[in-house]
Amino acid sequence: MNPQYPVPPPSYGAASPISKPGNYADQEPLLGGSPNASPSGIYNQPAHGDLPDDFKYGVSVSECELAIRNAFVRKVYTILLCQLFATAVVGGLISRSATAIQWVQTHVWSLYVPLFGTLVILGLLYWKRHSHPTNFVLLSVFTLMEAFTLGVVIAFFDNVIVLQALVITIGIFLGLTLFTFQSKYDFSGMGPFLFGGLLALCLTGIVEVFFPFSHTVDMVYAGVACLIFSGYVVYDTYMINNRLSPDEYIMGAISLYLEYVVLFLIFVYCVVP
């Protein structure tokens, strides 16, 4: 013993046996404790297409997995169809009820309340668009208000005119929607031009209130409005699929619903003899 160390060093026990080179059977693999690891220590990779949920979602709908995109489209158009069905039923009942129309004519405030109330509901709906079921309650109130207003408006038109406008609107709306979904064009650049056209329409409408135009100018105005809102159908359909997040399906349905209603009213006006 070295005289510099009066006490012998502690024993560390028996040394662990060293495996022969190349013999790894008695060694614990690096990922041996992982539940997804095989006995050989190789991590079991997920099957092709079997991605974790976190990798199926993206910032926008277009960046998500195909199943997520299809589910989003189904949600948007299911909500839209329910809105259109409710609008057709409620609006049709009101427009065919002489008692209801007479009551509205004697109580003008009943028309302005839903007309401006929809703007308030839209603001609340945008604020609570992620809160379930508040978002669906606000959506139902918004749809009923729109249906009531639409029913009062079409009550003063002939049934044949309303039916013709309805068929034309359905055909154009479906055609533009299907074209946008299968198209490879980028329609995001249409936004500024459509907004400029909409602003011109609003200003022209304000001027017409004080200085009425001729019937020919009115028809040209309606035709331009039809083109602008047809462009909005294409633009919003593209933006819904490429800009909205997967949980923004209510806002997507509302934008398409409003464009459908405006197109319908424009065609009602256009087919009037």
C-alpha atoms as a PDB file:
ATOM      1  CA  MET A   1       0.000   0.000   0.000  1.00  0.00           C
ATOM      2  CA  ASN A   2       1.222   3.423  -0.799  1.00  0.00           C
ATOM      3  CA  PRO A   3       2.111   5.271   2.443  1.00  0.00           C
ATOM      4  CA  GLN A   4       0.438   8.382   1.101  1.00  0.00           C
ATOM      5  CA  TYR A   5      -2.984   6.629   1.387  1.00  0.00           C
ATOM      6  CA  PRO A   6      -3.562   5.282   4.924  1.00  0.00           C
ATOM      7  CA  VAL A   7      -6.950   3.828   4.015  1.00  0.00           C
ATOM      8  CA  PRO A   8      -7.485   1.492   1.085  1.00  0.00           C
ATOM      9  CA  PRO A   9      -9.889   2.752  -1.622  1.00  0.00           C
ATOM     10  CA  PRO A  10     -13.497   1.560  -1.388  1.00  0.00           C
ATOM     11  CA  SER A  11     -14.580  -1.416  -3.395  1.00  0.00           C
ATOM     12  CA  TYR A  12     -16.804  -0.714  -6.400  1.00  0.00           C
ATOM     13  CA  GLY A  13     -18.053  -4.222  -6.750  1.00  0.00           C
ATOM     14  CA  ALA A  14     -17.441  -6.662  -9.446  1.00  0.00           C
ATOM     15  CA  ALA A  15     -16.888  -5.228 -12.843  1.00  0.00           C
ATOM     16  CA  SER A  16     -19.681  -5.881 -15.276  1.00  0.00           C
ATOM     17  CA  PRO A  17     -18.822  -8.439 -17.882  1.00  0.00           C
ATOM     18  CA  ILE A  18     -17.809  -7.030 -21.186  1.00  0.00           C
ATOM     19  CA  SER A  19     -19.548  -8.475 -24.152  1.00  0.00           C
ATOM     20  CA  LYS A  20     -17.579  -9.766 -26.990  1.00  0.00           C
ATOM     21  CA  PRO A  21     -17.201  -7.430 -29.934  1.00  0.00           C
ATOM     22  CA  GLY A  22     -20.157  -7.699 -32.273  1.00  0.00           C
ATOM     23  CA  ASN A  23     -22.420  -9.377 -29.691  1.00  0.00           C
ATOM     24  CA  TYR A  24     -25.249  -6.885 -28.959  1.00  0.00           C
ATOM     25  CA  ALA A  25     -27.918  -9.342 -27.852  1.00  0.00           C
ATOM     26  CA  ASP A  26     -27.205  -8.848 -24.148  1.00  0.00           C
ATOM     27  CA  GLN A  27     -27.097  -5.057 -24.372  1.00  0.00           C
ATOM     28  CA  GLU A  28     -30.187  -2.896 -23.724  1.00  0.00           C
ATOM     29  CA  PRO A  29     -31.036  -0.976 -26.913  1.00  0.00           C
ATOM     30  CA  LEU A  30     -31.028   2.785 -26.916  1.00  0.00           C
ATOM     31  CA  LEU A  31     -34.810   2.922 -27.444  1.00  0.00           C
ATOM     32  CA  GLY A  32     -35.535  -0.219 -25.519  1.00  0.00           C
ATOM     33  CA  GLY A  33     -37.744   1.612 -23.026  1.00  0.00           C
ATOM     34  CA  SER A  34     -39.908   3.172 -25.721  1.00  0.00           C
ATOM     35  CA  PRO A  35     -43.321   1.544 -26.200  1.00  0.00           C
ATOM     36  CA  ASN A  36     -42.996   1.979 -29.966  1.00  0.00           C
ATOM     37  CA  ALA A  37     -39.624   0.305 -30.179  1.00  0.00           C
ATOM     38  CA  SER A  38     -39.096  -3.179 -31.531  1.00  0.00           C
ATOM     39  CA  PRO A  39     -36.927  -5.763 -29.707  1.00  0.00           C
ATOM     40  CA  SER A  40     -34.068  -4.881 -32.027  1.00  0.00           C
ATOM     41  CA  GLY A  41     -34.129  -1.285 -30.843  1.00  0.00           C
ATOM     42  CA  ILE A  42     -35.450   0.136 -34.124  1.00  0.00           C
ATOM     43  CA  TYR A  43     -38.250   2.688 -33.677  1.00  0.00           C
ATOM     44  CA  ASN A  44     -41.487   1.668 -35.366  1.00  0.00           C
ATOM     45  CA  GLN A  45     -42.247   4.419 -37.888  1.00  0.00           C
ATOM     46  CA  PRO A  46     -45.940   5.239 -38.638  1.00  0.00           C
ATOM     47  CA  ALA A  47     -47.448   3.673 -41.683  1.00  0.00           C
ATOM     48  CA  HIS A  48     -47.729   5.611 -44.925  1.00  0.00           C
ATOM     49  CA  GLY A  49     -50.448   8.254 -44.562  1.00  0.00           C
ATOM     50  CA  ASP A  50     -50.846   7.584 -40.829  1.00  0.00           C
ATOM     51  CA  LEU A  51     -49.720  11.010 -39.591  1.00  0.00           C
ATOM     52  CA  PRO A  52     -50.258  12.382 -36.089  1.00  0.00           C
ATOM     53  CA  ASP A  53     -53.121  14.848 -35.804  1.00  0.00           C
ATOM     54  CA  ASP A  54     -50.755  17.789 -35.271  1.00  0.00           C
ATOM     55  CA  PHE A  55     -49.299  17.233 -38.750  1.00  0.00           C
ATOM     56  CA  LYS A  56     -52.692  16.999 -40.472  1.00  0.00           C
ATOM     57  CA  TYR A  57     -53.561  20.660 -39.852  1.00  0.00           C
ATOM     58  CA  GLY A  58     -52.045  23.750 -41.422  1.00  0.00           C
ATOM     59  CA  VAL A  59     -52.416  27.492 -41.164  1.00  0.00           C
ATOM     60  CA  SER A  60     -55.005  27.525 -43.970  1.00  0.00           C
ATOM     61  CA  VAL A  61     -57.380  24.893 -45.305  1.00  0.00           C
ATOM     62  CA  SER A  62     -55.278  24.359 -48.435  1.00  0.00           C
ATOM     63  CA  GLU A  63     -52.287  23.353 -46.268  1.00  0.00           C
ATOM     64  CA  CYS A  64     -54.217  20.671 -44.391  1.00  0.00           C
ATOM     65  CA  GLU A  65     -54.510  17.004 -45.186  1.00  0.00           C
ATOM     66  CA  LEU A  66     -57.097  16.017 -47.797  1.00  0.00           C
ATOM     67  CA  ALA A  67     -59.494  14.597 -45.210  1.00  0.00           C
ATOM     68  CA  ILE A  68     -59.420  17.891 -43.268  1.00  0.00           C
ATOM     69  CA  ARG A  69     -60.055  19.905 -46.424  1.00  0.00           C
ATOM     70  CA  ASN A  70     -62.985  17.719 -47.412  1.00  0.00           C
ATOM     71  CA  ALA A  71     -64.484  17.959 -43.931  1.00  0.00           C
ATOM     72  CA  PHE A  72     -64.163  21.751 -44.013  1.00  0.00           C
ATOM     73  CA  VAL A  73     -65.926  21.991 -47.383  1.00  0.00           C
ATOM     74  CA  ARG A  74     -68.714  19.711 -46.129  1.00  0.00           C
ATOM     75  CA  LYS A  75     -69.215  21.899 -43.065  1.00  0.00           C
ATOM     76  CA  VAL A  76     -69.322  25.130 -45.078  1.00  0.00           C
ATOM     77  CA  TYR A  77     -71.812  23.887 -47.636  1.00  0.00           C
ATOM     78  CA  THR A  78     -73.952  22.009 -45.114  1.00  0.00           C
ATOM     79  CA  ILE A  79     -74.364  25.238 -43.136  1.00  0.00           C
ATOM     80  CA  LEU A  80     -75.008  27.163 -46.360  1.00  0.00           C
ATOM     81  CA  LEU A  81     -77.704  24.718 -47.502  1.00  0.00           C
ATOM     82  CA  CYS A  82     -79.395  24.893 -44.095  1.00  0.00           C
ATOM     83  CA  GLN A  83     -79.366  28.686 -44.282  1.00  0.00           C
ATOM     84  CA  LEU A  84     -80.830  28.702 -47.783  1.00  0.00           C
ATOM     85  CA  PHE A  85     -83.511  26.167 -46.832  1.00  0.00           C
ATOM     86  CA  ALA A  86     -84.524  28.179 -43.754  1.00  0.00           C
ATOM     87  CA  THR A  87     -84.544  31.379 -45.806  1.00  0.00           C
ATOM     88  CA  ALA A  88     -86.739  29.804 -48.489  1.00  0.00           C
ATOM     89  CA  VAL A  89     -89.229  28.462 -45.939  1.00  0.00           C
ATOM     90  CA  VAL A  90     -89.466  31.560 -43.714  1.00  0.00           C
ATOM     91  CA  GLY A  91     -89.265  34.043 -46.581  1.00  0.00           C
ATOM     92  CA  GLY A  92     -91.830  32.124 -48.607  1.00  0.00           C
ATOM     93  CA  LEU A  93     -94.314  31.964 -45.729  1.00  0.00           C
ATOM     94  CA  ILE A  94     -93.984  35.676 -45.003  1.00  0.00           C
ATOM     95  CA  SER A  95     -94.220  36.731 -48.647  1.00  0.00           C
ATOM     96  CA  ARG A  96     -97.415  34.689 -49.141  1.00  0.00           C
ATOM     97  CA  SER A  97     -99.080  35.943 -45.947  1.00  0.00           C
ATOM     98  CA  ALA A  98    -101.132  39.036 -46.659  1.00  0.00           C
ATOM     99  CA  THR A  99    -101.654  39.586 -42.945  1.00  0.00           C
ATOM    100  CA  ALA A 100     -97.909  39.625 -42.258  1.00  0.00           C
ATOM    101  CA  ILE A 101     -97.186  42.028 -45.120  1.00  0.00           C
ATOM    102  CA  GLN A 102     -99.990  44.347 -44.040  1.00  0.00           C
ATOM    103  CA  TRP A 103     -98.665  44.342 -40.491  1.00  0.00           C
ATOM    104  CA  VAL A 104     -95.164  45.235 -41.730  1.00  0.00           C
ATOM    105  CA  GLN A 105     -96.565  48.071 -43.842  1.00  0.00           C
ATOM    106  CA  THR A 106     -98.334  49.537 -40.819  1.00  0.00           C
ATOM    107  CA  HIS A 107     -95.289  48.989 -38.575  1.00  0.00           C
ATOM    108  CA  VAL A 108     -92.349  50.155 -40.666  1.00  0.00           C
ATOM    109  CA  TRP A 109     -89.933  49.768 -37.763  1.00  0.00           C
ATOM    110  CA  SER A 110     -90.348  45.978 -38.039  1.00  0.00           C
ATOM    111  CA  LEU A 111     -88.475  46.114 -41.338  1.00  0.00           C
ATOM    112  CA  TYR A 112     -85.618  48.312 -40.138  1.00  0.00           C
ATOM    113  CA  VAL A 113     -84.973  46.307 -36.972  1.00  0.00           C
ATOM    114  CA  PRO A 114     -83.882  43.106 -38.753  1.00  0.00           C
ATOM    115  CA  LEU A 115     -82.285  45.132 -41.547  1.00  0.00           C
ATOM    116  CA  PHE A 116     -79.826  46.841 -39.192  1.00  0.00           C
ATOM    117  CA  GLY A 117     -79.923  44.066 -36.600  1.00  0.00           C
ATOM    118  CA  THR A 118     -78.112  41.744 -38.986  1.00  0.00           C
ATOM    119  CA  LEU A 119     -75.116  44.090 -38.890  1.00  0.00           C
ATOM    120  CA  VAL A 120     -74.988  43.847 -35.104  1.00  0.00           C
ATOM    121  CA  ILE A 121     -75.356  40.072 -35.235  1.00  0.00           C
ATOM    122  CA  LEU A 122     -72.557  39.848 -37.792  1.00  0.00           C
ATOM    123  CA  GLY A 123     -70.232  41.709 -35.444  1.00  0.00           C
ATOM    124  CA  LEU A 124     -71.152  39.450 -32.538  1.00  0.00           C
ATOM    125  CA  LEU A 125     -70.816  36.378 -34.715  1.00  0.00           C
ATOM    126  CA  TYR A 126     -67.317  37.366 -35.796  1.00  0.00           C
ATOM    127  CA  TRP A 127     -66.410  37.875 -32.144  1.00  0.00           C
ATOM    128  CA  LYS A 128     -67.907  34.545 -30.994  1.00  0.00           C
ATOM    129  CA  ARG A 129     -67.201  32.512 -34.118  1.00  0.00           C
ATOM    130  CA  HIS A 130     -65.158  29.964 -32.129  1.00  0.00           C
ATOM    131  CA  SER A 131     -67.564  29.716 -29.161  1.00  0.00           C
ATOM    132  CA  HIS A 132     -69.887  26.743 -29.475  1.00  0.00           C
ATOM    133  CA  PRO A 133     -72.935  26.750 -29.341  1.00  0.00           C
ATOM    134  CA  THR A 134     -73.096  30.574 -29.183  1.00  0.00           C
ATOM    135  CA  ASN A 135     -71.865  30.836 -32.770  1.00  0.00           C
ATOM    136  CA  PHE A 136     -74.694  28.622 -34.063  1.00  0.00           C
ATOM    137  CA  VAL A 137     -77.299  30.521 -32.043  1.00  0.00           C
ATOM    138  CA  LEU A 138     -76.116  33.824 -33.529  1.00  0.00           C
ATOM    139  CA  LEU A 139     -75.996  32.237 -36.979  1.00  0.00           C
ATOM    140  CA  SER A 140     -79.621  31.101 -36.637  1.00  0.00           C
ATOM    141  CA  VAL A 141     -80.753  34.569 -35.527  1.00  0.00           C
ATOM    142  CA  PHE A 142     -78.881  36.160 -38.419  1.00  0.00           C
ATOM    143  CA  THR A 143     -80.462  33.764 -40.939  1.00  0.00           C
ATOM    144  CA  LEU A 144     -83.987  34.344 -39.603  1.00  0.00           C
ATOM    145  CA  MET A 145     -83.544  38.124 -39.784  1.00  0.00           C
ATOM    146  CA  GLU A 146     -82.339  37.873 -43.368  1.00  0.00           C
ATOM    147  CA  ALA A 147     -85.215  35.534 -44.242  1.00  0.00           C
ATOM    148  CA  PHE A 148     -87.755  37.954 -42.759  1.00  0.00           C
ATOM    149  CA  THR A 149     -86.360  40.915 -44.713  1.00  0.00           C
ATOM    150  CA  LEU A 150     -86.148  38.900 -47.921  1.00  0.00           C
ATOM    151  CA  GLY A 151     -89.706  37.651 -47.504  1.00  0.00           C
ATOM    152  CA  VAL A 152     -91.044  41.194 -47.183  1.00  0.00           C
ATOM    153  CA  VAL A 153     -89.106  42.336 -50.275  1.00  0.00           C
ATOM    154  CA  ILE A 154     -90.189  39.529 -52.613  1.00  0.00           C
ATOM    155  CA  ALA A 155     -93.829  39.848 -51.502  1.00  0.00           C
ATOM    156  CA  PHE A 156     -94.187  42.755 -53.945  1.00  0.00           C
ATOM    157  CA  PHE A 157     -93.009  40.710 -56.955  1.00  0.00           C
ATOM    158  CA  ASP A 158     -94.862  38.150 -59.023  1.00  0.00           C
ATOM    159  CA  ASN A 159     -94.290  34.477 -58.198  1.00  0.00           C
ATOM    160  CA  VAL A 160     -93.057  33.739 -61.723  1.00  0.00           C
ATOM    161  CA  ILE A 161     -90.420  36.467 -61.479  1.00  0.00           C
ATOM    162  CA  VAL A 162     -89.220  35.168 -58.112  1.00  0.00           C
ATOM    163  CA  LEU A 163     -89.023  31.606 -59.461  1.00  0.00           C
ATOM    164  CA  GLN A 164     -87.083  32.693 -62.544  1.00  0.00           C
ATOM    165  CA  ALA A 165     -84.613  34.667 -60.431  1.00  0.00           C
ATOM    166  CA  LEU A 166     -84.211  31.702 -58.076  1.00  0.00           C
ATOM    167  CA  VAL A 167     -83.378  29.270 -60.889  1.00  0.00           C
ATOM    168  CA  ILE A 168     -80.907  31.705 -62.493  1.00  0.00           C
ATOM    169  CA  THR A 169     -79.193  32.354 -59.160  1.00  0.00           C
ATOM    170  CA  ILE A 170     -78.841  28.652 -58.355  1.00  0.00           C
ATOM    171  CA  GLY A 171     -77.371  27.917 -61.777  1.00  0.00           C
ATOM    172  CA  ILE A 172     -74.835  30.741 -61.704  1.00  0.00           C
ATOM    173  CA  PHE A 173     -73.855  30.138 -58.076  1.00  0.00           C
ATOM    174  CA  LEU A 174     -73.244  26.410 -58.587  1.00  0.00           C
ATOM    175  CA  GLY A 175     -71.401  26.989 -61.855  1.00  0.00           C
ATOM    176  CA  LEU A 176     -69.047  29.583 -60.394  1.00  0.00           C
ATOM    177  CA  THR A 177     -68.412  27.512 -57.275  1.00  0.00           C
ATOM    178  CA  LEU A 178     -67.555  24.336 -59.199  1.00  0.00           C
ATOM    179  CA  PHE A 179     -65.355  26.314 -61.595  1.00  0.00           C
ATOM    180  CA  THR A 180     -63.392  27.843 -58.719  1.00  0.00           C
ATOM    181  CA  PHE A 181     -62.859  24.525 -56.925  1.00  0.00           C
ATOM    182  CA  GLN A 182     -61.425  22.769 -59.979  1.00  0.00           C
ATOM    183  CA  SER A 183     -59.495  25.779 -61.292  1.00  0.00           C
ATOM    184  CA  LYS A 184     -55.749  26.186 -60.750  1.00  0.00           C
ATOM    185  CA  TYR A 185     -55.830  29.981 -61.102  1.00  0.00           C
ATOM    186  CA  ASP A 186     -54.942  32.321 -58.263  1.00  0.00           C
ATOM    187  CA  PHE A 187     -57.956  34.605 -57.711  1.00  0.00           C
ATOM    188  CA  SER A 188     -56.535  36.464 -54.712  1.00  0.00           C
ATOM    189  CA  GLY A 189     -55.647  39.463 -56.903  1.00  0.00           C
ATOM    190  CA  MET A 190     -59.319  40.147 -57.648  1.00  0.00           C
ATOM    191  CA  GLY A 191     -59.930  41.636 -54.197  1.00  0.00           C
ATOM    192  CA  PRO A 192     -58.953  45.291 -54.831  1.00  0.00           C
ATOM    193  CA  PHE A 193     -60.839  45.434 -58.145  1.00  0.00           C
ATOM    194  CA  LEU A 194     -63.992  43.926 -56.655  1.00  0.00           C
ATOM    195  CA  PHE A 195     -63.847  46.311 -53.714  1.00  0.00           C
ATOM    196  CA  GLY A 196     -63.476  49.272 -56.080  1.00  0.00           C
ATOM    197  CA  GLY A 197     -66.457  48.074 -58.106  1.00  0.00           C
ATOM    198  CA  LEU A 198     -68.530  47.593 -54.967  1.00  0.00           C
ATOM    199  CA  LEU A 199     -67.670  51.088 -53.775  1.00  0.00           C
ATOM    200  CA  ALA A 200     -68.730  52.514 -57.146  1.00  0.00           C
ATOM    201  CA  LEU A 201     -72.011  50.609 -56.927  1.00  0.00           C
ATOM    202  CA  CYS A 202     -72.749  51.979 -53.458  1.00  0.00           C
ATOM    203  CA  LEU A 203     -72.008  55.567 -54.481  1.00  0.00           C
ATOM    204  CA  THR A 204     -74.128  55.213 -57.626  1.00  0.00           C
ATOM    205  CA  GLY A 205     -76.996  53.833 -55.573  1.00  0.00           C
ATOM    206  CA  ILE A 206     -76.817  56.784 -53.189  1.00  0.00           C
ATOM    207  CA  VAL A 207     -76.896  59.225 -56.123  1.00  0.00           C
ATOM    208  CA  GLU A 208     -79.898  57.415 -57.627  1.00  0.00           C
ATOM    209  CA  VAL A 209     -81.864  57.960 -54.424  1.00  0.00           C
ATOM    210  CA  PHE A 210     -81.753  61.718 -54.978  1.00  0.00           C
ATOM    211  CA  PHE A 211     -81.497  61.793 -58.793  1.00  0.00           C
ATOM    212  CA  PRO A 212     -83.330  58.785 -60.265  1.00  0.00           C
ATOM    213  CA  PHE A 213     -81.931  57.313 -63.461  1.00  0.00           C
ATOM    214  CA  SER A 214     -83.783  55.965 -66.469  1.00  0.00           C
ATOM    215  CA  HIS A 215     -84.869  52.339 -66.728  1.00  0.00           C
ATOM    216  CA  THR A 216     -82.032  51.622 -69.183  1.00  0.00           C
ATOM    217  CA  VAL A 217     -79.426  52.952 -66.761  1.00  0.00           C
ATOM    218  CA  ASP A 218     -81.017  50.909 -63.990  1.00  0.00           C
ATOM    219  CA  MET A 219     -80.680  47.742 -66.053  1.00  0.00           C
ATOM    220  CA  VAL A 220     -77.035  48.521 -66.806  1.00  0.00           C
ATOM    221  CA  TYR A 221     -76.495  49.163 -63.092  1.00  0.00           C
ATOM    222  CA  ALA A 222     -78.072  45.781 -62.239  1.00  0.00           C
ATOM    223  CA  GLY A 223     -75.937  44.021 -64.861  1.00  0.00           C
ATOM    224  CA  VAL A 224     -72.732  45.522 -63.485  1.00  0.00           C
ATOM    225  CA  ALA A 225     -73.809  44.578 -59.967  1.00  0.00           C
ATOM    226  CA  CYS A 226     -74.417  41.011 -61.150  1.00  0.00           C
ATOM    227  CA  LEU A 227     -70.889  40.809 -62.603  1.00  0.00           C
ATOM    228  CA  ILE A 228     -69.299  42.232 -59.453  1.00  0.00           C
ATOM    229  CA  PHE A 229     -71.067  39.861 -57.084  1.00  0.00           C
ATOM    230  CA  SER A 230     -70.424  36.928 -59.405  1.00  0.00           C
ATOM    231  CA  GLY A 231     -66.771  37.869 -59.089  1.00  0.00           C
ATOM    232  CA  TYR A 232     -67.178  37.915 -55.324  1.00  0.00           C
ATOM    233  CA  VAL A 233     -68.526  34.356 -55.440  1.00  0.00           C
ATOM    234  CA  VAL A 234     -65.366  33.229 -57.226  1.00  0.00           C
ATOM    235  CA  TYR A 235     -63.081  35.319 -55.012  1.00  0.00           C
ATOM    236  CA  ASP A 236     -64.620  34.236 -51.688  1.00  0.00           C
ATOM    237  CA  THR A 237     -64.784  30.588 -52.746  1.00  0.00           C
ATOM    238  CA  TYR A 238     -61.067  30.740 -53.498  1.00  0.00           C
ATOM    239  CA  MET A 239     -60.251  32.613 -50.281  1.00  0.00           C
ATOM    240  CA  ILE A 240     -62.309  30.205 -48.173  1.00  0.00           C
ATOM    241  CA  ASN A 241     -60.237  27.290 -49.404  1.00  0.00           C
ATOM    242  CA  ASN A 242     -56.851  29.014 -49.409  1.00  0.00           C
ATOM    243  CA  ARG A 243     -56.915  31.627 -46.652  1.00  0.00           C
ATOM    244  CA  LEU A 244     -59.308  30.562 -43.900  1.00  0.00           C
ATOM    245  CA  SER A 245     -58.250  28.241 -41.108  1.00  0.00           C
ATOM    246  CA  PRO A 246     -60.072  24.895 -40.702  1.00  0.00           C
ATOM    247  CA  ASP A 247     -62.219  26.232 -37.826  1.00  0.00           C
ATOM    248  CA  GLU A 248     -63.516  29.264 -39.776  1.00  0.00           C
ATOM    249  CA  TYR A 249     -66.299  27.343 -41.512  1.00  0.00           C
ATOM    250  CA  ILE A 250     -69.081  29.592 -40.171  1.00  0.00           C
ATOM    251  CA  MET A 251     -67.515  32.747 -41.608  1.00  0.00           C
ATOM    252  CA  GLY A 252     -67.059  30.980 -44.926  1.00  0.00           C
ATOM    253  CA  ALA A 253     -70.717  29.953 -45.034  1.00  0.00           C
ATOM    254  CA  ILE A 254     -71.918  33.471 -44.171  1.00  0.00           C
ATOM    255  CA  SER A 255     -69.872  35.112 -46.931  1.00  0.00           C
ATOM    256  CA  LEU A 256     -71.304  32.739 -49.544  1.00  0.00           C
ATOM    257  CA  TYR A 257     -74.822  33.113 -48.134  1.00  0.00           C
ATOM    258  CA  LEU A 258     -74.751  36.913 -48.375  1.00  0.00           C
ATOM    259  CA  GLU A 259     -73.498  36.774 -51.953  1.00  0.00           C
ATOM    260  CA  TYR A 260     -76.249  34.312 -52.871  1.00  0.00           C
ATOM    261  CA  VAL A 261     -78.940  36.576 -51.382  1.00  0.00           C
ATOM    262  CA  VAL A 262     -77.596  39.679 -53.143  1.00  0.00           C
ATOM    263  CA  LEU A 263     -77.378  37.856 -56.478  1.00  0.00           C
ATOM    264  CA  PHE A 264     -80.950  36.641 -56.040  1.00  0.00           C
ATOM    265  CA  LEU A 265     -82.244  40.160 -55.376  1.00  0.00           C
ATOM    266  CA  ILE A 266     -80.343  41.511 -58.382  1.00  0.00           C
ATOM    267  CA  PHE A 267     -81.886  38.900 -60.677  1.00  0.00           C
ATOM    268  CA  VAL A 268     -85.327  39.582 -59.243  1.00  0.00           C
ATOM    269  CA  TYR A 269     -84.877  43.182 -60.271  1.00  0.00           C
ATOM    270  CA  CYS A 270     -83.401  42.270 -63.672  1.00  0.00           C
ATOM    271  CA  VAL A 271     -86.273  40.034 -64.792  1.00  0.00           C
ATOM    272  CA  VAL A 272     -88.937  42.607 -63.945  1.00  0.00           C
ATOM    273  CA  PRO A 273     -90.543  43.637 -67.273  1.00  0.00           C
END
